[in-house]
Amino acid sequence: MSLTTFSVPAPRSSLMVRRRIATYFVGGVEQIPGLVDALARHGGLVHDLSVDVRDGVRESTMTCALLVEEAEVEALLERLRELPAVVSSELV
């Protein structure tokens, strides 16, 4: 009689981490809805969202703290960077 064993990996819970993200963009106030929509589509919980738009300054800044799965952080940054108005998006 032979014994057959199967290895079934246990489901892993994804660890949610809090990350602070800074996104630099051009186009002023009109670009804010698209940036916030990109965060909302990602599905993470957004905390402490702030936007700094100044008259006469080319680039504006959006910063937020985001509760997101660790494996999804880089994908979110890439999604933000693909937006036409975004100059850069990075962890701070």
PDB file of N, CA and C in Angstrom:
ATOM      1  N   MET A   1       0.830  -1.155   0.000  1.00  0.00           N
ATOM      2  CA  MET A   1       0.000   0.000   0.000  1.00  0.00           C
ATOM      3  C   MET A   1       0.896   1.246   0.000  1.00  0.00           C
ATOM      4  N   SER A   2       0.600   2.167  -0.901  1.00  0.00           N
ATOM      5  CA  SER A   2       1.407   3.390  -0.961  1.00  0.00           C
ATOM      6  C   SER A   2       0.625   4.560  -0.356  1.00  0.00           C
ATOM      7  N   LEU A   3       1.356   5.456   0.180  1.00  0.00           N
ATOM      8  CA  LEU A   3       0.767   6.626   0.812  1.00  0.00           C
ATOM      9  C   LEU A   3       1.001   7.815  -0.105  1.00  0.00           C
ATOM     10  N   THR A   4      -0.064   8.523  -0.443  1.00  0.00           N
ATOM     11  CA  THR A   4       0.040   9.705  -1.285  1.00  0.00           C
ATOM     12  C   THR A   4      -0.267  10.934  -0.437  1.00  0.00           C
ATOM     13  N   THR A   5       0.609  11.889  -0.516  1.00  0.00           N
ATOM     14  CA  THR A   5       0.373  13.136   0.209  1.00  0.00           C
ATOM     15  C   THR A   5       0.301  14.286  -0.770  1.00  0.00           C
ATOM     16  N   PHE A   6      -0.524  15.201  -0.449  1.00  0.00           N
ATOM     17  CA  PHE A   6      -0.691  16.398  -1.267  1.00  0.00           C
ATOM     18  C   PHE A   6      -0.326  17.610  -0.429  1.00  0.00           C
ATOM     19  N   SER A   7       0.409  18.463  -1.026  1.00  0.00           N
ATOM     20  CA  SER A   7       0.780  19.694  -0.340  1.00  0.00           C
ATOM     21  C   SER A   7      -0.132  20.813  -0.833  1.00  0.00           C
ATOM     22  N   VAL A   8      -0.962  21.289   0.049  1.00  0.00           N
ATOM     23  CA  VAL A   8      -1.871  22.384  -0.299  1.00  0.00           C
ATOM     24  C   VAL A   8      -1.455  23.582   0.529  1.00  0.00           C
ATOM     25  N   PRO A   9      -1.007  24.643  -0.138  1.00  0.00           N
ATOM     26  CA  PRO A   9      -0.561  25.806   0.630  1.00  0.00           C
ATOM     27  C   PRO A   9      -1.735  26.454   1.361  1.00  0.00           C
ATOM     28  N   ALA A  10      -1.477  26.851   2.580  1.00  0.00           N
ATOM     29  CA  ALA A  10      -2.505  27.542   3.364  1.00  0.00           C
ATOM     30  C   ALA A  10      -2.685  28.949   2.805  1.00  0.00           C
ATOM     31  N   PRO A  11      -3.902  29.428   2.791  1.00  0.00           N
ATOM     32  CA  PRO A  11      -4.096  30.793   2.303  1.00  0.00           C
ATOM     33  C   PRO A  11      -3.374  31.777   3.217  1.00  0.00           C
ATOM     34  N   ARG A  12      -2.709  32.726   2.611  1.00  0.00           N
ATOM     35  CA  ARG A  12      -1.962  33.706   3.387  1.00  0.00           C
ATOM     36  C   ARG A  12      -2.795  34.973   3.498  1.00  0.00           C
ATOM     37  N   SER A  13      -2.847  35.498   4.669  1.00  0.00           N
ATOM     38  CA  SER A  13      -3.517  36.774   4.816  1.00  0.00           C
ATOM     39  C   SER A  13      -2.539  37.853   4.384  1.00  0.00           C
ATOM     40  N   SER A  14      -3.028  38.799   3.629  1.00  0.00           N
ATOM     41  CA  SER A  14      -2.145  39.859   3.178  1.00  0.00           C
ATOM     42  C   SER A  14      -2.053  40.916   4.271  1.00  0.00           C
ATOM     43  N   LEU A  15      -0.853  41.276   4.569  1.00  0.00           N
ATOM     44  CA  LEU A  15      -0.585  42.238   5.620  1.00  0.00           C
ATOM     45  C   LEU A  15      -0.812  43.646   5.096  1.00  0.00           C
ATOM     46  N   MET A  16      -1.675  44.377   5.768  1.00  0.00           N
ATOM     47  CA  MET A  16      -1.919  45.764   5.403  1.00  0.00           C
ATOM     48  C   MET A  16      -0.870  46.623   6.096  1.00  0.00           C
ATOM     49  N   VAL A  17      -0.261  47.513   5.341  1.00  0.00           N
ATOM     50  CA  VAL A  17       0.748  48.406   5.885  1.00  0.00           C
ATOM     51  C   VAL A  17       0.340  49.851   5.604  1.00  0.00           C
ATOM     52  N   ARG A  18       0.779  50.746   6.459  1.00  0.00           N
ATOM     53  CA  ARG A  18       0.495  52.162   6.257  1.00  0.00           C
ATOM     54  C   ARG A  18       1.701  52.783   5.566  1.00  0.00           C
ATOM     55  N   ARG A  19       1.455  53.344   4.410  1.00  0.00           N
ATOM     56  CA  ARG A  19       2.517  53.976   3.629  1.00  0.00           C
ATOM     57  C   ARG A  19       2.157  55.431   3.369  1.00  0.00           C
ATOM     58  N   ARG A  20       3.149  56.280   3.392  1.00  0.00           N
ATOM     59  CA  ARG A  20       2.964  57.690   3.075  1.00  0.00           C
ATOM     60  C   ARG A  20       3.463  57.910   1.650  1.00  0.00           C
ATOM     61  N   ILE A  21       2.605  58.486   0.831  1.00  0.00           N
ATOM     62  CA  ILE A  21       2.898  58.674  -0.587  1.00  0.00           C
ATOM     63  C   ILE A  21       2.849  60.160  -0.924  1.00  0.00           C
ATOM     64  N   ALA A  22       3.812  60.616  -1.701  1.00  0.00           N
ATOM     65  CA  ALA A  22       3.813  61.979  -2.230  1.00  0.00           C
ATOM     66  C   ALA A  22       3.734  61.883  -3.746  1.00  0.00           C
ATOM     67  N   THR A  23       2.811  62.632  -4.315  1.00  0.00           N
ATOM     68  CA  THR A  23       2.642  62.668  -5.764  1.00  0.00           C
ATOM     69  C   THR A  23       2.765  64.112  -6.223  1.00  0.00           C
ATOM     70  N   TYR A  24       3.645  64.346  -7.176  1.00  0.00           N
ATOM     71  CA  TYR A  24       3.861  65.680  -7.727  1.00  0.00           C
ATOM     72  C   TYR A  24       3.212  65.722  -9.099  1.00  0.00           C
ATOM     73  N   PHE A  25       2.419  66.765  -9.336  1.00  0.00           N
ATOM     74  CA  PHE A  25       1.648  66.818 -10.579  1.00  0.00           C
ATOM     75  C   PHE A  25       1.568  68.240 -11.109  1.00  0.00           C
ATOM     76  N   VAL A  26       1.229  68.354 -12.380  1.00  0.00           N
ATOM     77  CA  VAL A  26       1.024  69.651 -13.026  1.00  0.00           C
ATOM     78  C   VAL A  26      -0.445  69.746 -13.432  1.00  0.00           C
ATOM     79  N   GLY A  27      -0.888  70.956 -13.710  1.00  0.00           N
ATOM     80  CA  GLY A  27      -2.261  71.139 -14.175  1.00  0.00           C
ATOM     81  C   GLY A  27      -3.192  71.719 -13.126  1.00  0.00           C
ATOM     82  N   GLY A  28      -2.702  71.923 -11.930  1.00  0.00           N
ATOM     83  CA  GLY A  28      -3.479  72.602 -10.896  1.00  0.00           C
ATOM     84  C   GLY A  28      -4.662  71.821 -10.364  1.00  0.00           C
ATOM     85  N   VAL A  29      -5.631  72.554  -9.871  1.00  0.00           N
ATOM     86  CA  VAL A  29      -6.798  72.010  -9.184  1.00  0.00           C
ATOM     87  C   VAL A  29      -7.588  71.033 -10.061  1.00  0.00           C
ATOM     88  N   GLU A  30      -7.591  71.230 -11.340  1.00  0.00           N
ATOM     89  CA  GLU A  30      -8.369  70.380 -12.247  1.00  0.00           C
ATOM     90  C   GLU A  30      -7.914  68.920 -12.214  1.00  0.00           C
ATOM     91  N   GLN A  31      -6.692  68.665 -11.788  1.00  0.00           N
ATOM     92  CA  GLN A  31      -6.147  67.305 -11.784  1.00  0.00           C
ATOM     93  C   GLN A  31      -6.492  66.512 -10.517  1.00  0.00           C
ATOM     94  N   ILE A  32      -6.944  67.190  -9.481  1.00  0.00           N
ATOM     95  CA  ILE A  32      -7.184  66.531  -8.199  1.00  0.00           C
ATOM     96  C   ILE A  32      -8.211  65.397  -8.287  1.00  0.00           C
ATOM     97  N   PRO A  33      -9.363  65.575  -8.952  1.00  0.00           N
ATOM     98  CA  PRO A  33     -10.314  64.452  -9.018  1.00  0.00           C
ATOM     99  C   PRO A  33      -9.719  63.181  -9.636  1.00  0.00           C
ATOM    100  N   GLY A  34      -8.905  63.303 -10.660  1.00  0.00           N
ATOM    101  CA  GLY A  34      -8.280  62.129 -11.278  1.00  0.00           C
ATOM    102  C   GLY A  34      -7.303  61.433 -10.347  1.00  0.00           C
ATOM    103  N   LEU A  35      -6.566  62.209  -9.566  1.00  0.00           N
ATOM    104  CA  LEU A  35      -5.619  61.631  -8.608  1.00  0.00           C
ATOM    105  C   LEU A  35      -6.356  60.895  -7.496  1.00  0.00           C
ATOM    106  N   VAL A  36      -7.390  61.524  -6.964  1.00  0.00           N
ATOM    107  CA  VAL A  36      -8.157  60.894  -5.891  1.00  0.00           C
ATOM    108  C   VAL A  36      -8.878  59.657  -6.420  1.00  0.00           C
ATOM    109  N   ASP A  37      -9.362  59.704  -7.645  1.00  0.00           N
ATOM    110  CA  ASP A  37     -10.015  58.545  -8.257  1.00  0.00           C
ATOM    111  C   ASP A  37      -9.040  57.376  -8.390  1.00  0.00           C
ATOM    112  N   ALA A  38      -7.797  57.655  -8.762  1.00  0.00           N
ATOM    113  CA  ALA A  38      -6.788  56.594  -8.876  1.00  0.00           C
ATOM    114  C   ALA A  38      -6.549  55.928  -7.517  1.00  0.00           C
ATOM    115  N   LEU A  39      -6.548  56.720  -6.444  1.00  0.00           N
ATOM    116  CA  LEU A  39      -6.397  56.153  -5.103  1.00  0.00           C
ATOM    117  C   LEU A  39      -7.625  55.322  -4.726  1.00  0.00           C
ATOM    118  N   ALA A  40      -8.811  55.842  -5.031  1.00  0.00           N
ATOM    119  CA  ALA A  40     -10.054  55.144  -4.672  1.00  0.00           C
ATOM    120  C   ALA A  40     -10.191  53.828  -5.430  1.00  0.00           C
ATOM    121  N   ARG A  41      -9.824  53.801  -6.703  1.00  0.00           N
ATOM    122  CA  ARG A  41      -9.911  52.569  -7.494  1.00  0.00           C
ATOM    123  C   ARG A  41      -8.970  51.504  -6.968  1.00  0.00           C
ATOM    124  N   HIS A  42      -7.910  51.940  -6.328  1.00  0.00           N
ATOM    125  CA  HIS A  42      -6.942  50.991  -5.783  1.00  0.00           C
ATOM    126  C   HIS A  42      -7.529  50.202  -4.615  1.00  0.00           C
ATOM    127  N   GLY A  43      -8.439  50.806  -3.877  1.00  0.00           N
ATOM    128  CA  GLY A  43      -9.111  50.088  -2.808  1.00  0.00           C
ATOM    129  C   GLY A  43      -8.477  50.193  -1.436  1.00  0.00           C
ATOM    130  N   GLY A  44      -7.367  50.899  -1.311  1.00  0.00           N
ATOM    131  CA  GLY A  44      -6.750  51.086  -0.002  1.00  0.00           C
ATOM    132  C   GLY A  44      -7.504  52.136   0.797  1.00  0.00           C
ATOM    133  N   LEU A  45      -7.269  52.182   2.080  1.00  0.00           N
ATOM    134  CA  LEU A  45      -7.888  53.182   2.931  1.00  0.00           C
ATOM    135  C   LEU A  45      -6.982  54.404   2.983  1.00  0.00           C
ATOM    136  N   VAL A  46      -7.512  55.558   2.569  1.00  0.00           N
ATOM    137  CA  VAL A  46      -6.731  56.789   2.506  1.00  0.00           C
ATOM    138  C   VAL A  46      -6.915  57.577   3.795  1.00  0.00           C
ATOM    139  N   HIS A  47      -5.796  58.008   4.380  1.00  0.00           N
ATOM    140  CA  HIS A  47      -5.794  58.827   5.587  1.00  0.00           C
ATOM    141  C   HIS A  47      -4.967  60.072   5.326  1.00  0.00           C
ATOM    142  N   ASP A  48      -5.304  61.152   5.989  1.00  0.00           N
ATOM    143  CA  ASP A  48      -4.478  62.367   5.978  1.00  0.00           C
ATOM    144  C   ASP A  48      -4.165  62.869   4.568  1.00  0.00           C
ATOM    145  N   LEU A  49      -5.145  62.959   3.724  1.00  0.00           N
ATOM    146  CA  LEU A  49      -4.945  63.451   2.358  1.00  0.00           C
ATOM    147  C   LEU A  49      -4.799  64.966   2.379  1.00  0.00           C
ATOM    148  N   SER A  50      -3.750  65.462   1.755  1.00  0.00           N
ATOM    149  CA  SER A  50      -3.588  66.910   1.628  1.00  0.00           C
ATOM    150  C   SER A  50      -3.047  67.230   0.242  1.00  0.00           C
ATOM    151  N   VAL A  51      -3.481  68.372  -0.273  1.00  0.00           N
ATOM    152  CA  VAL A  51      -3.059  68.816  -1.593  1.00  0.00           C
ATOM    153  C   VAL A  51      -2.545  70.238  -1.457  1.00  0.00           C
ATOM    154  N   ASP A  52      -1.397  70.510  -2.061  1.00  0.00           N
ATOM    155  CA  ASP A  52      -0.800  71.843  -2.030  1.00  0.00           C
ATOM    156  C   ASP A  52      -0.702  72.357  -3.462  1.00  0.00           C
ATOM    157  N   VAL A  53      -1.586  73.301  -3.803  1.00  0.00           N
ATOM    158  CA  VAL A  53      -1.595  73.923  -5.124  1.00  0.00           C
ATOM    159  C   VAL A  53      -1.325  75.403  -4.898  1.00  0.00           C
ATOM    160  N   ARG A  54      -0.261  75.915  -5.494  1.00  0.00           N
ATOM    161  CA  ARG A  54       0.103  77.320  -5.295  1.00  0.00           C
ATOM    162  C   ARG A  54       0.135  78.058  -6.622  1.00  0.00           C
ATOM    163  N   ASP A  55      -0.395  79.244  -6.588  1.00  0.00           N
ATOM    164  CA  ASP A  55      -0.415  80.096  -7.776  1.00  0.00           C
ATOM    165  C   ASP A  55       1.020  80.450  -8.166  1.00  0.00           C
ATOM    166  N   GLY A  56       1.344  80.270  -9.427  1.00  0.00           N
ATOM    167  CA  GLY A  56       2.666  80.613  -9.927  1.00  0.00           C
ATOM    168  C   GLY A  56       3.709  79.515  -9.792  1.00  0.00           C
ATOM    169  N   VAL A  57       3.345  78.397  -9.172  1.00  0.00           N
ATOM    170  CA  VAL A  57       4.275  77.277  -9.024  1.00  0.00           C
ATOM    171  C   VAL A  57       3.854  76.194 -10.011  1.00  0.00           C
ATOM    172  N   ARG A  58       4.789  75.695 -10.790  1.00  0.00           N
ATOM    173  CA  ARG A  58       4.464  74.729 -11.845  1.00  0.00           C
ATOM    174  C   ARG A  58       3.926  73.417 -11.294  1.00  0.00           C
ATOM    175  N   GLU A  59       4.596  72.845 -10.298  1.00  0.00           N
ATOM    176  CA  GLU A  59       4.191  71.539  -9.769  1.00  0.00           C
ATOM    177  C   GLU A  59       3.424  71.688  -8.468  1.00  0.00           C
ATOM    178  N   SER A  60       2.387  70.888  -8.324  1.00  0.00           N
ATOM    179  CA  SER A  60       1.607  70.820  -7.094  1.00  0.00           C
ATOM    180  C   SER A  60       1.916  69.485  -6.422  1.00  0.00           C
ATOM    181  N   THR A  61       1.513  69.354  -5.160  1.00  0.00           N
ATOM    182  CA  THR A  61       1.817  68.152  -4.400  1.00  0.00           C
ATOM    183  C   THR A  61       0.563  67.603  -3.746  1.00  0.00           C
ATOM    184  N   MET A  62       0.391  66.284  -3.832  1.00  0.00           N
ATOM    185  CA  MET A  62      -0.642  65.593  -3.078  1.00  0.00           C
ATOM    186  C   MET A  62       0.069  64.577  -2.200  1.00  0.00           C
ATOM    187  N   THR A  63      -0.186  64.621  -0.900  1.00  0.00           N
ATOM    188  CA  THR A  63       0.388  63.622  -0.002  1.00  0.00           C
ATOM    189  C   THR A  63      -0.740  62.943   0.761  1.00  0.00           C
ATOM    190  N   CYS A  64      -0.536  61.691   1.076  1.00  0.00           N
ATOM    191  CA  CYS A  64      -1.520  60.967   1.860  1.00  0.00           C
ATOM    192  C   CYS A  64      -0.848  59.782   2.541  1.00  0.00           C
ATOM    193  N   ALA A  65      -1.501  59.327   3.582  1.00  0.00           N
ATOM    194  CA  ALA A  65      -1.123  58.065   4.210  1.00  0.00           C
ATOM    195  C   ALA A  65      -2.155  57.061   3.734  1.00  0.00           C
ATOM    196  N   LEU A  66      -1.704  55.902   3.351  1.00  0.00           N
ATOM    197  CA  LEU A  66      -2.570  54.907   2.734  1.00  0.00           C
ATOM    198  C   LEU A  66      -2.367  53.561   3.404  1.00  0.00           C
ATOM    199  N   LEU A  67      -3.453  52.930   3.792  1.00  0.00           N
ATOM    200  CA  LEU A  67      -3.400  51.574   4.336  1.00  0.00           C
ATOM    201  C   LEU A  67      -3.642  50.629   3.168  1.00  0.00           C
ATOM    202  N   VAL A  68      -2.615  49.869   2.808  1.00  0.00           N
ATOM    203  CA  VAL A  68      -2.656  49.077   1.590  1.00  0.00           C
ATOM    204  C   VAL A  68      -1.875  47.777   1.812  1.00  0.00           C
ATOM    205  N   GLU A  69      -2.197  46.762   1.034  1.00  0.00           N
ATOM    206  CA  GLU A  69      -1.425  45.519   1.100  1.00  0.00           C
ATOM    207  C   GLU A  69      -0.003  45.817   0.645  1.00  0.00           C
ATOM    208  N   GLU A  70       0.950  45.254   1.359  1.00  0.00           N
ATOM    209  CA  GLU A  70       2.353  45.537   1.064  1.00  0.00           C
ATOM    210  C   GLU A  70       2.718  45.212  -0.387  1.00  0.00           C
ATOM    211  N   ALA A  71       2.165  44.139  -0.905  1.00  0.00           N
ATOM    212  CA  ALA A  71       2.474  43.731  -2.276  1.00  0.00           C
ATOM    213  C   ALA A  71       1.896  44.685  -3.321  1.00  0.00           C
ATOM    214  N   GLU A  72       0.956  45.536  -2.934  1.00  0.00           N
ATOM    215  CA  GLU A  72       0.284  46.435  -3.877  1.00  0.00           C
ATOM    216  C   GLU A  72       0.881  47.838  -3.930  1.00  0.00           C
ATOM    217  N   VAL A  73       1.824  48.141  -3.055  1.00  0.00           N
ATOM    218  CA  VAL A  73       2.369  49.497  -2.975  1.00  0.00           C
ATOM    219  C   VAL A  73       2.988  49.922  -4.300  1.00  0.00           C
ATOM    220  N   GLU A  74       3.865  49.110  -4.835  1.00  0.00           N
ATOM    221  CA  GLU A  74       4.551  49.479  -6.076  1.00  0.00           C
ATOM    222  C   GLU A  74       3.577  49.589  -7.249  1.00  0.00           C
ATOM    223  N   ALA A  75       2.580  48.719  -7.294  1.00  0.00           N
ATOM    224  CA  ALA A  75       1.583  48.793  -8.375  1.00  0.00           C
ATOM    225  C   ALA A  75       0.798  50.097  -8.299  1.00  0.00           C
ATOM    226  N   LEU A  76       0.469  50.538  -7.099  1.00  0.00           N
ATOM    227  CA  LEU A  76      -0.243  51.805  -6.938  1.00  0.00           C
ATOM    228  C   LEU A  76       0.614  52.973  -7.401  1.00  0.00           C
ATOM    229  N   LEU A  77       1.879  52.978  -7.013  1.00  0.00           N
ATOM    230  CA  LEU A  77       2.769  54.050  -7.447  1.00  0.00           C
ATOM    231  C   LEU A  77       2.881  54.084  -8.972  1.00  0.00           C
ATOM    232  N   GLU A  78       2.974  52.920  -9.604  1.00  0.00           N
ATOM    233  CA  GLU A  78       3.047  52.860 -11.071  1.00  0.00           C
ATOM    234  C   GLU A  78       1.770  53.393 -11.709  1.00  0.00           C
ATOM    235  N   ARG A  79       0.611  53.040 -11.123  1.00  0.00           N
ATOM    236  CA  ARG A  79      -0.663  53.541 -11.647  1.00  0.00           C
ATOM    237  C   ARG A  79      -0.735  55.054 -11.577  1.00  0.00           C
ATOM    238  N   LEU A  80      -0.280  55.617 -10.477  1.00  0.00           N
ATOM    239  CA  LEU A  80      -0.265  57.074 -10.350  1.00  0.00           C
ATOM    240  C   LEU A  80       0.692  57.699 -11.358  1.00  0.00           C
ATOM    241  N   ARG A  81       1.863  57.104 -11.534  1.00  0.00           N
ATOM    242  CA  ARG A  81       2.864  57.637 -12.471  1.00  0.00           C
ATOM    243  C   ARG A  81       2.386  57.613 -13.915  1.00  0.00           C
ATOM    244  N   GLU A  82       1.451  56.727 -14.232  1.00  0.00           N
ATOM    245  CA  GLU A  82       0.935  56.632 -15.598  1.00  0.00           C
ATOM    246  C   GLU A  82      -0.054  57.740 -15.939  1.00  0.00           C
ATOM    247  N   LEU A  83      -0.564  58.442 -14.935  1.00  0.00           N
ATOM    248  CA  LEU A  83      -1.493  59.535 -15.203  1.00  0.00           C
ATOM    249  C   LEU A  83      -0.756  60.666 -15.918  1.00  0.00           C
ATOM    250  N   PRO A  84      -1.378  61.265 -16.940  1.00  0.00           N
ATOM    251  CA  PRO A  84      -0.690  62.287 -17.739  1.00  0.00           C
ATOM    252  C   PRO A  84      -0.182  63.486 -16.935  1.00  0.00           C
ATOM    253  N   ALA A  85      -0.875  63.875 -15.886  1.00  0.00           N
ATOM    254  CA  ALA A  85      -0.491  65.065 -15.126  1.00  0.00           C
ATOM    255  C   ALA A  85       0.603  64.786 -14.099  1.00  0.00           C
ATOM    256  N   VAL A  86       0.889  63.523 -13.809  1.00  0.00           N
ATOM    257  CA  VAL A  86       1.820  63.189 -12.730  1.00  0.00           C
ATOM    258  C   VAL A  86       3.272  63.268 -13.207  1.00  0.00           C
ATOM    259  N   VAL A  87       4.059  64.015 -12.443  1.00  0.00           N
ATOM    260  CA  VAL A  87       5.486  64.139 -12.702  1.00  0.00           C
ATOM    261  C   VAL A  87       6.226  63.008 -11.996  1.00  0.00           C
ATOM    262  N   SER A  88       5.865  62.746 -10.733  1.00  0.00           N
ATOM    263  CA  SER A  88       6.448  61.624 -10.009  1.00  0.00           C
ATOM    264  C   SER A  88       5.555  61.258  -8.833  1.00  0.00           C
ATOM    265  N   SER A  89       5.696  60.018  -8.389  1.00  0.00           N
ATOM    266  CA  SER A  89       4.960  59.529  -7.236  1.00  0.00           C
ATOM    267  C   SER A  89       5.907  58.587  -6.489  1.00  0.00           C
ATOM    268  N   GLU A  90       6.031  58.808  -5.180  1.00  0.00           N
ATOM    269  CA  GLU A  90       7.022  58.040  -4.429  1.00  0.00           C
ATOM    270  C   GLU A  90       6.617  57.891  -2.964  1.00  0.00           C
ATOM    271  N   LEU A  91       7.253  56.935  -2.315  1.00  0.00           N
ATOM    272  CA  LEU A  91       7.080  56.768  -0.874  1.00  0.00           C
ATOM    273  C   LEU A  91       7.902  57.847  -0.174  1.00  0.00           C
ATOM    274  N   VAL A  92       7.348  58.369   0.912  1.00  0.00           N
ATOM    275  CA  VAL A  92       8.097  59.346   1.724  1.00  0.00           C
ATOM    276  C   VAL A  92       8.225  58.860   3.136  1.00  0.00           C
TER     277      VAL A  92
END
